[in-house]
Amino acid sequence: MTDTNVKFPKKLIEVALPLDAINAACVREKAIRHGHPSTLHLWWARRPLAAARAVIFASMVNDPGYEVGSGFRHGVNKVEAERKRKELFQIIEDLVKWENSNNPEVLERARNAIMESWRETCKYNAKHPRAKELFNPDQLPAFHDPFAGGGALPLEAQRLGLESYASDLNPVPVLINKAMIEIPPRFHNSRPVGTLPKGGKTNLTYNGPEGLAEDISRYGLWLLDEAKKRIGQYYPEVVITEELAKDRPDLQDLIGKSFPVIAYV
């Protein structure tokens, strides 16, 4: 049931969006594989991250247009509202670019705009009977997605500064969301703890999930090393001989070298 005591302005998504920029970013994202969550698991109904980021941002920021109702006044005149709307559009246009996915300056602008709108909403509801509980100007509302699927929405909500909660009835997306949303924040800015591989290098600082990623890489190398020790003798490397390279100009410079077999027929 709707709480009639709550006062809130229209959100930007209710008024206007830079759809051309969002659509272009979504099309481009389909061709991106390195660093994309789809490389973790190709979930069949995955939403484009660019669209998820834009929709959540536009749902959280207030439209600057003037409006009166529900006991409050909000916004500015048409000319000033259009100028401020263009500023919000620019944030979205920067936000949806793949190369800005983890750009701290772009994300900070988006988070500041969201927080500004939230504090504005809290001010309008200062006299609400549950204002202390529901309208804390220093704490954004949490993002809840009970059917999160591939996790695009809760992931982008988290990126925009909201505390995300994601679940699903299917255990596969539950695992995907744990890997993307629940586990990485626990090790934010943490150093790796796994054994440093032979010849490996360690950094002085690890930002965000870099330490966790390094630990996963180290564990993968350990697994590979253990596999080689246990069953490596059954998968001998192939030596490039003169006979093999006889009709292969591309192998001439590799004669005498050995390489792992990538496939057996």
Foldseek 3Di string as FASTA:
>chain_A
DDDLLADAAAFQVVPDAPVVLLVVLQVVQVPDDPPDLVVVPVFPPDDRLLVLLLVVLRRQAHQQDWDDDSDDTGHDHPVVSVVVSVVVNVLSSQCSHPVCVPPVVSLVVSLVRSLVSLLVSLVVNVVPPCSVPPRDSVADEAAEAAAQGLNSNQLSCVSNPHQYDYHHPDVVSRVNCCVRHVPQVVQAFHAADDDADVVHDGDPTDGRSRRVVVNVVRVVVVVVVVCCVPCVVVFDWDAADCVNCVVPPVCPVRHGHTDTDPDDD
